[in-house]
Structure formats: structure tokens, C-alpha cells
C-alpha atoms as a PDB file:
ATOM      1  CA  MET A   1     -14.872 -28.402  16.551  1.00  0.00           C
ATOM      2  CA  LEU A   2     -18.452 -27.153  16.853  1.00  0.00           C
ATOM      3  CA  GLY A   3     -19.267 -29.978  19.263  1.00  0.00           C
ATOM      4  CA  MET A   4     -16.346 -29.011  21.496  1.00  0.00           C
ATOM      5  CA  LEU A   5     -17.397 -25.369  21.497  1.00  0.00           C
ATOM      6  CA  GLN A   6     -20.977 -26.361  22.277  1.00  0.00           C
ATOM      7  CA  GLY A   7     -19.717 -28.541  25.147  1.00  0.00           C
ATOM      8  CA  LEU A   8     -17.858 -25.594  26.627  1.00  0.00           C
ATOM      9  CA  CYS A   9     -20.694 -23.096  26.203  1.00  0.00           C
ATOM     10  CA  MET A  10     -23.679 -25.213  27.258  1.00  0.00           C
ATOM     11  CA  PRO A  11     -22.925 -25.114  30.999  1.00  0.00           C
ATOM     12  CA  ILE A  12     -22.682 -21.321  30.778  1.00  0.00           C
ATOM     13  CA  PHE A  13     -25.715 -20.523  28.642  1.00  0.00           C
ATOM     14  CA  SER A  14     -28.039 -23.468  29.325  1.00  0.00           C
ATOM     15  CA  GLY A  15     -30.909 -22.691  31.654  1.00  0.00           C
ATOM     16  CA  LYS A  16     -31.377 -26.386  32.409  1.00  0.00           C
ATOM     17  CA  VAL A  17     -27.751 -26.842  33.458  1.00  0.00           C
ATOM     18  CA  ALA A  18     -27.907 -23.692  35.588  1.00  0.00           C
ATOM     19  CA  ARG A  19     -31.114 -24.833  37.303  1.00  0.00           C
ATOM     20  CA  ASP A  20     -29.668 -28.325  37.883  1.00  0.00           C
ATOM     21  CA  ARG A  21     -26.624 -26.810  39.591  1.00  0.00           C
ATOM     22  CA  GLY A  22     -28.684 -24.282  41.498  1.00  0.00           C
ATOM     23  CA  PRO A  23     -27.163 -21.210  43.138  1.00  0.00           C
ATOM     24  CA  ALA A  24     -24.133 -23.305  44.104  1.00  0.00           C
ATOM     25  CA  GLY A  25     -23.169 -23.294  40.416  1.00  0.00           C
ATOM     26  CA  LEU A  26     -22.443 -19.564  40.683  1.00  0.00           C
ATOM     27  CA  ARG A  27     -19.838 -19.973  43.424  1.00  0.00           C
ATOM     28  CA  PRO A  28     -16.715 -20.909  41.375  1.00  0.00           C
ATOM     29  CA  LEU A  29     -17.076 -18.039  38.885  1.00  0.00           C
ATOM     30  CA  CYS A  30     -18.039 -15.646  41.683  1.00  0.00           C
ATOM     31  CA  LEU A  31     -14.848 -16.608  43.540  1.00  0.00           C
ATOM     32  CA  ILE A  32     -12.833 -15.866  40.406  1.00  0.00           C
ATOM     33  CA  VAL A  33     -14.507 -12.437  40.197  1.00  0.00           C
ATOM     34  CA  LEU A  34     -13.704 -11.734  43.851  1.00  0.00           C
ATOM     35  CA  ILE A  35     -10.039 -12.658  43.421  1.00  0.00           C
ATOM     36  CA  ALA A  36      -9.837 -10.612  40.205  1.00  0.00           C
ATOM     37  CA  LEU A  37     -11.376  -7.622  42.018  1.00  0.00           C
ATOM     38  CA  VAL A  38      -8.666  -7.777  44.681  1.00  0.00           C
ATOM     39  CA  VAL A  39      -5.963  -8.057  41.988  1.00  0.00           C
ATOM     40  CA  GLN A  40      -7.587  -5.146  40.147  1.00  0.00           C
ATOM     41  CA  PHE A  41      -7.641  -3.006  43.289  1.00  0.00           C
ATOM     42  CA  VAL A  42      -3.960  -3.732  43.990  1.00  0.00           C
ATOM     43  CA  LEU A  43      -2.973  -2.925  40.392  1.00  0.00           C
ATOM     44  CA  GLY A  44      -4.976   0.301  40.533  1.00  0.00           C
ATOM     45  CA  THR A  45      -3.325   1.320  43.787  1.00  0.00           C
ATOM     46  CA  ILE A  46       0.150   0.656  42.352  1.00  0.00           C
ATOM     47  CA  LEU A  47      -0.755   2.658  39.242  1.00  0.00           C
ATOM     48  CA  ASN A  48      -2.096   5.550  41.272  1.00  0.00           C
ATOM     49  CA  LEU A  49       0.901   5.746  43.589  1.00  0.00           C
ATOM     50  CA  TYR A  50       3.940   4.691  41.570  1.00  0.00           C
ATOM     51  CA  VAL A  51       3.349   4.730  37.806  1.00  0.00           C
ATOM     52  CA  GLU A  52       3.399   7.808  35.582  1.00  0.00           C
ATOM     53  CA  ILE A  53       0.542   7.562  33.111  1.00  0.00           C
ATOM     54  CA  PRO A  54       1.339   9.142  29.736  1.00  0.00           C
ATOM     55  CA  ASP A  55      -0.961  11.716  28.169  1.00  0.00           C
ATOM     56  CA  PHE A  56      -3.633   9.801  26.281  1.00  0.00           C
ATOM     57  CA  SER A  57      -6.012  12.722  25.784  1.00  0.00           C
ATOM     58  CA  HIS A  58      -6.180  12.181  21.996  1.00  0.00           C
ATOM     59  CA  ALA A  59      -5.415   8.458  21.803  1.00  0.00           C
ATOM     60  CA  THR A  60      -7.701   5.650  20.748  1.00  0.00           C
ATOM     61  CA  TYR A  61      -8.264   2.661  23.011  1.00  0.00           C
ATOM     62  CA  ILE A  62      -5.815   0.555  20.934  1.00  0.00           C
ATOM     63  CA  GLN A  63      -3.160   3.289  21.103  1.00  0.00           C
ATOM     64  CA  GLU A  64      -3.603   3.443  24.872  1.00  0.00           C
ATOM     65  CA  ILE A  65      -2.914  -0.294  25.145  1.00  0.00           C
ATOM     66  CA  GLU A  66       0.080  -0.157  22.773  1.00  0.00           C
ATOM     67  CA  LYS A  67       1.803   2.762  24.540  1.00  0.00           C
ATOM     68  CA  ALA A  68       0.716   2.167  28.119  1.00  0.00           C
ATOM     69  CA  PRO A  69       2.985   1.006  30.938  1.00  0.00           C
ATOM     70  CA  GLY A  70       2.715  -2.714  31.728  1.00  0.00           C
ATOM     71  CA  PHE A  71       0.747  -2.184  34.939  1.00  0.00           C
ATOM     72  CA  LEU A  72      -1.849  -0.099  33.096  1.00  0.00           C
ATOM     73  CA  THR A  73      -2.215  -2.734  30.377  1.00  0.00           C
ATOM     74  CA  ALA A  74      -2.592  -5.474  33.001  1.00  0.00           C
ATOM     75  CA  HIS A  75      -5.137  -3.313  34.855  1.00  0.00           C
ATOM     76  CA  ALA A  76      -7.178  -2.828  31.651  1.00  0.00           C
ATOM     77  CA  LEU A  77      -7.037  -6.528  30.721  1.00  0.00           C
ATOM     78  CA  VAL A  78      -8.120  -7.651  34.197  1.00  0.00           C
ATOM     79  CA  GLY A  79     -10.982  -5.143  33.871  1.00  0.00           C
ATOM     80  CA  VAL A  80     -12.127  -6.711  30.602  1.00  0.00           C
ATOM     81  CA  VAL A  81     -11.957 -10.213  32.137  1.00  0.00           C
ATOM     82  CA  LEU A  82     -13.980  -8.954  35.112  1.00  0.00           C
ATOM     83  CA  LEU A  83     -16.666  -7.531  32.834  1.00  0.00           C
ATOM     84  CA  ALA A  84     -16.887 -10.789  30.872  1.00  0.00           C
ATOM     85  CA  ALA A  85     -17.129 -12.881  34.051  1.00  0.00           C
ATOM     86  CA  ALA A  86     -19.771 -10.534  35.471  1.00  0.00           C
ATOM     87  CA  VAL A  87     -21.885 -10.915  32.329  1.00  0.00           C
ATOM     88  CA  LEU A  88     -21.573 -14.721  32.507  1.00  0.00           C
ATOM     89  CA  LEU A  89     -22.642 -14.702  36.161  1.00  0.00           C
ATOM     90  CA  LEU A  90     -25.654 -12.550  35.312  1.00  0.00           C
ATOM     91  CA  ILE A  91     -26.657 -14.917  32.484  1.00  0.00           C
ATOM     92  CA  GLN A  92     -26.429 -17.896  34.846  1.00  0.00           C
ATOM     93  CA  ALA A  93     -28.475 -16.130  37.542  1.00  0.00           C
ATOM     94  CA  ALA A  94     -31.119 -15.186  34.975  1.00  0.00           C
ATOM     95  CA  ALA A  95     -31.311 -18.844  33.943  1.00  0.00           C
ATOM     96  CA  LEU A  96     -31.863 -19.736  37.613  1.00  0.00           C
ATOM     97  CA  ARG A  97     -34.782 -17.301  37.720  1.00  0.00           C
ATOM     98  CA  ALA A  98     -33.486 -15.973  41.030  1.00  0.00           C
ATOM     99  CA  PRO A  99     -34.545 -12.298  41.235  1.00  0.00           C
ATOM    100  CA  VAL A 100     -32.399 -11.461  44.273  1.00  0.00           C
ATOM    101  CA  LEU A 101     -29.269 -12.857  42.630  1.00  0.00           C
ATOM    102  CA  VAL A 102     -30.114 -11.157  39.323  1.00  0.00           C
ATOM    103  CA  THR A 103     -30.538  -7.818  41.117  1.00  0.00           C
ATOM    104  CA  MET A 104     -27.277  -8.199  43.013  1.00  0.00           C
ATOM    105  CA  LEU A 105     -25.339  -9.290  39.927  1.00  0.00           C
ATOM    106  CA  THR A 106     -26.829  -6.435  37.885  1.00  0.00           C
ATOM    107  CA  THR A 107     -25.643  -4.033  40.590  1.00  0.00           C
ATOM    108  CA  GLY A 108     -22.179  -5.608  40.516  1.00  0.00           C
ATOM    109  CA  LEU A 109     -21.987  -5.394  36.732  1.00  0.00           C
ATOM    110  CA  ALA A 110     -23.138  -1.752  36.793  1.00  0.00           C
ATOM    111  CA  ALA A 111     -20.454  -0.956  39.378  1.00  0.00           C
ATOM    112  CA  LEU A 112     -17.792  -2.642  37.225  1.00  0.00           C
ATOM    113  CA  LEU A 113     -18.954  -0.755  34.119  1.00  0.00           C
ATOM    114  CA  GLY A 114     -18.887   2.497  36.070  1.00  0.00           C
ATOM    115  CA  ALA A 115     -15.367   1.776  37.327  1.00  0.00           C
ATOM    116  CA  PHE A 116     -14.272   0.946  33.777  1.00  0.00           C
ATOM    117  CA  ILE A 117     -15.697   4.229  32.475  1.00  0.00           C
ATOM    118  CA  ALA A 118     -14.093   6.147  35.353  1.00  0.00           C
ATOM    119  CA  GLY A 119     -10.790   4.474  34.458  1.00  0.00           C
ATOM    120  CA  GLU A 120     -11.067   5.641  30.870  1.00  0.00           C
ATOM    121  CA  ILE A 121     -11.794   9.182  32.059  1.00  0.00           C
ATOM    122  CA  PHE A 122      -8.824   9.024  34.431  1.00  0.00           C
ATOM    123  CA  VAL A 123      -6.477   7.882  31.646  1.00  0.00           C
ATOM    124  CA  LYS A 124      -7.735  10.654  29.345  1.00  0.00           C
ATOM    125  CA  ASN A 125      -7.479  13.593  31.766  1.00  0.00           C
ATOM    126  CA  GLY A 126      -6.004  12.381  35.083  1.00  0.00           C
ATOM    127  CA  ALA A 127      -8.948  13.686  37.121  1.00  0.00           C
ATOM    128  CA  ASP A 128      -8.660  12.755  40.792  1.00  0.00           C
ATOM    129  CA  THR A 129     -12.428  12.365  41.052  1.00  0.00           C
ATOM    130  CA  ALA A 130     -12.322   9.659  38.356  1.00  0.00           C
ATOM    131  CA  SER A 131      -9.749   7.774  40.441  1.00  0.00           C
ATOM    132  CA  LEU A 132     -11.970   8.131  43.503  1.00  0.00           C
ATOM    133  CA  TRP A 133     -14.981   6.791  41.581  1.00  0.00           C
ATOM    134  CA  MET A 134     -12.948   3.809  40.398  1.00  0.00           C
ATOM    135  CA  SER A 135     -12.134   2.940  44.017  1.00  0.00           C
ATOM    136  CA  LEU A 136     -15.660   3.502  45.298  1.00  0.00           C
ATOM    137  CA  LEU A 137     -17.277   1.477  42.531  1.00  0.00           C
ATOM    138  CA  THR A 138     -14.743  -1.317  43.024  1.00  0.00           C
ATOM    139  CA  GLY A 139     -15.822  -1.385  46.672  1.00  0.00           C
ATOM    140  CA  VAL A 140     -19.474  -1.591  45.626  1.00  0.00           C
ATOM    141  CA  ALA A 141     -18.682  -4.454  43.250  1.00  0.00           C
ATOM    142  CA  LEU A 142     -16.625  -6.269  45.889  1.00  0.00           C
ATOM    143  CA  THR A 143     -19.420  -5.966  48.438  1.00  0.00           C
ATOM    144  CA  THR A 144     -22.001  -7.149  45.912  1.00  0.00           C
ATOM    145  CA  TYR A 145     -20.040 -10.238  44.863  1.00  0.00           C
ATOM    146  CA  ILE A 146     -19.300 -11.118  48.503  1.00  0.00           C
ATOM    147  CA  GLY A 147     -23.076 -11.012  49.053  1.00  0.00           C
ATOM    148  CA  VAL A 148     -23.694 -13.244  46.031  1.00  0.00           C
ATOM    149  CA  GLN A 149     -21.085 -15.700  47.291  1.00  0.00           C
ATOM    150  CA  ALA A 150     -22.754 -15.731  50.723  1.00  0.00           C
ATOM    151  CA  LEU A 151     -26.243 -16.284  49.262  1.00  0.00           C
ATOM    152  CA  ALA A 152     -25.009 -19.072  46.998  1.00  0.00           C
ATOM    153  CA  GLY A 153     -23.235 -20.651  49.972  1.00  0.00           C
ATOM    154  CA  THR A 154     -26.388 -20.475  52.088  1.00  0.00           C
ATOM    155  CA  ALA A 155     -28.350 -22.175  49.313  1.00  0.00           C
ATOM    156  CA  THR A 156     -25.664 -24.866  49.076  1.00  0.00           C
ATOM    157  CA  ARG A 157     -25.772 -25.542  52.822  1.00  0.00           C
ATOM    158  CA  ARG A 158     -29.565 -25.615  52.753  1.00  0.00           C
ATOM    159  CA  GLN A 159     -29.505 -28.243  49.981  1.00  0.00           C
ATOM    160  CA  ALA A 160     -26.936 -30.354  51.856  1.00  0.00           C
ATOM    161  CA  ALA A 161     -28.711 -30.235  55.238  1.00  0.00           C
ATOM    162  CA  PRO A 162     -30.617 -33.386  56.142  1.00  0.00           C
ATOM    163  CA  GLN A 163     -34.355 -32.940  55.739  1.00  0.00           C
ATOM    164  CA  PRO A 164     -36.556 -34.304  58.513  1.00  0.00           C
ATOM    165  CA  ASP A 165     -39.070 -36.825  57.244  1.00  0.00           C
ATOM    166  CA  SER A 166     -42.759 -36.238  57.756  1.00  0.00           C
ATOM    167  CA  TYR A 167     -43.138 -39.220  60.118  1.00  0.00           C
ATOM    168  CA  SER A 168     -40.722 -37.837  62.751  1.00  0.00           C
ATOM    169  CA  ARG A 169     -42.500 -34.490  62.780  1.00  0.00           C
ATOM    170  CA  THR A 170     -45.974 -35.925  63.321  1.00  0.00           C
ATOM    171  CA  HIS A 171     -45.160 -38.782  65.700  1.00  0.00           C
ATOM    172  CA  THR A 172     -43.231 -37.908  68.799  1.00  0.00           C
ATOM    173  CA  VAL A 173     -42.085 -40.353  71.410  1.00  0.00           C
ATOM    174  CA  GLY A 174     -43.074 -39.603  74.936  1.00  0.00           C
END
């Protein structure tokens, strides 16, 4: 059992595995984050426009989940998955020792945490500004992860491009 768990976790937490994969190794998880962000935005829009959110001003987080409408529960669970995936991406980028990617992924994680906090405030008191901050921070996160995906894709293309050999650069025909 421990061996199986280690086999699952090593690609995520191992610096050697991350460096062997390079920035291209970030692309699958980053794509999952991007898709989840779009799903999250759609769920949030549906909640904001069509779902009555009960008064949770004195409820605990567990009570909110137990008594919440299905869309709100789904929205909260997708948010938790997004936070977990964002942390995993940041760990992988740190293992790559890529400061630009680490900075971008830290920004994305901060935006997701801010949106999560704004969501909690919105559920507690229904403040319109909290809803606005959720949307704005989701946009920041979306933009950040699109940038990470683009950088990782550029690195992948650069690795796949044929490299000219030193002979052809120094000896020209003509």
C-alpha cells in the first residue's frame, strides 16, 4: 500500500521527476485548472443569478455544506479542488527552479485564495462587493494560468525544435 502511494506521489513531489519533465510537465494539470476555472465561473454565475442562498451568517463551514443548495455545494467543492491543484502546480514549478513560473503560479494561487475568501464573505452576508471580487479574482487566476500554459507550451516547442549542429553554423557552402 505504501509503495502504491509513493508511486502516485513521487511524480508530484519529486524535484528530479519535475526537472526531467521540464515545464511541459505542468501542462496537463494546468489544463485541468483552466477547465475547472471555467466550470467554477459558470457555477458562480448560475448561483448569482438563479439560486437563493440561505442565511448562513451564524453557520459553520460544515453546516453551510450540509444545508446549501446543490449548486453552492458543487461551487465550493470545485473551489477546494482548484486550490489543491494550484498548490500542486506551485510545488512542481518550485521543483523546476523556474522563478517566472513560480511567480505566476503564486499569483494564481493568491487569486484563488482571495476568490475563496470572497465567496465565504458572500455566503455569510450576501455583499455584492464580495461577489464582484470573486469574479475579478477568478479573471486574474484565469489569465495567470493561461500565461503558465503558454510559457510551458513555448518551452515544449523549444525542446522539440531541431537544433542546428555546430558544423552547419561555421561552414557555409558558397
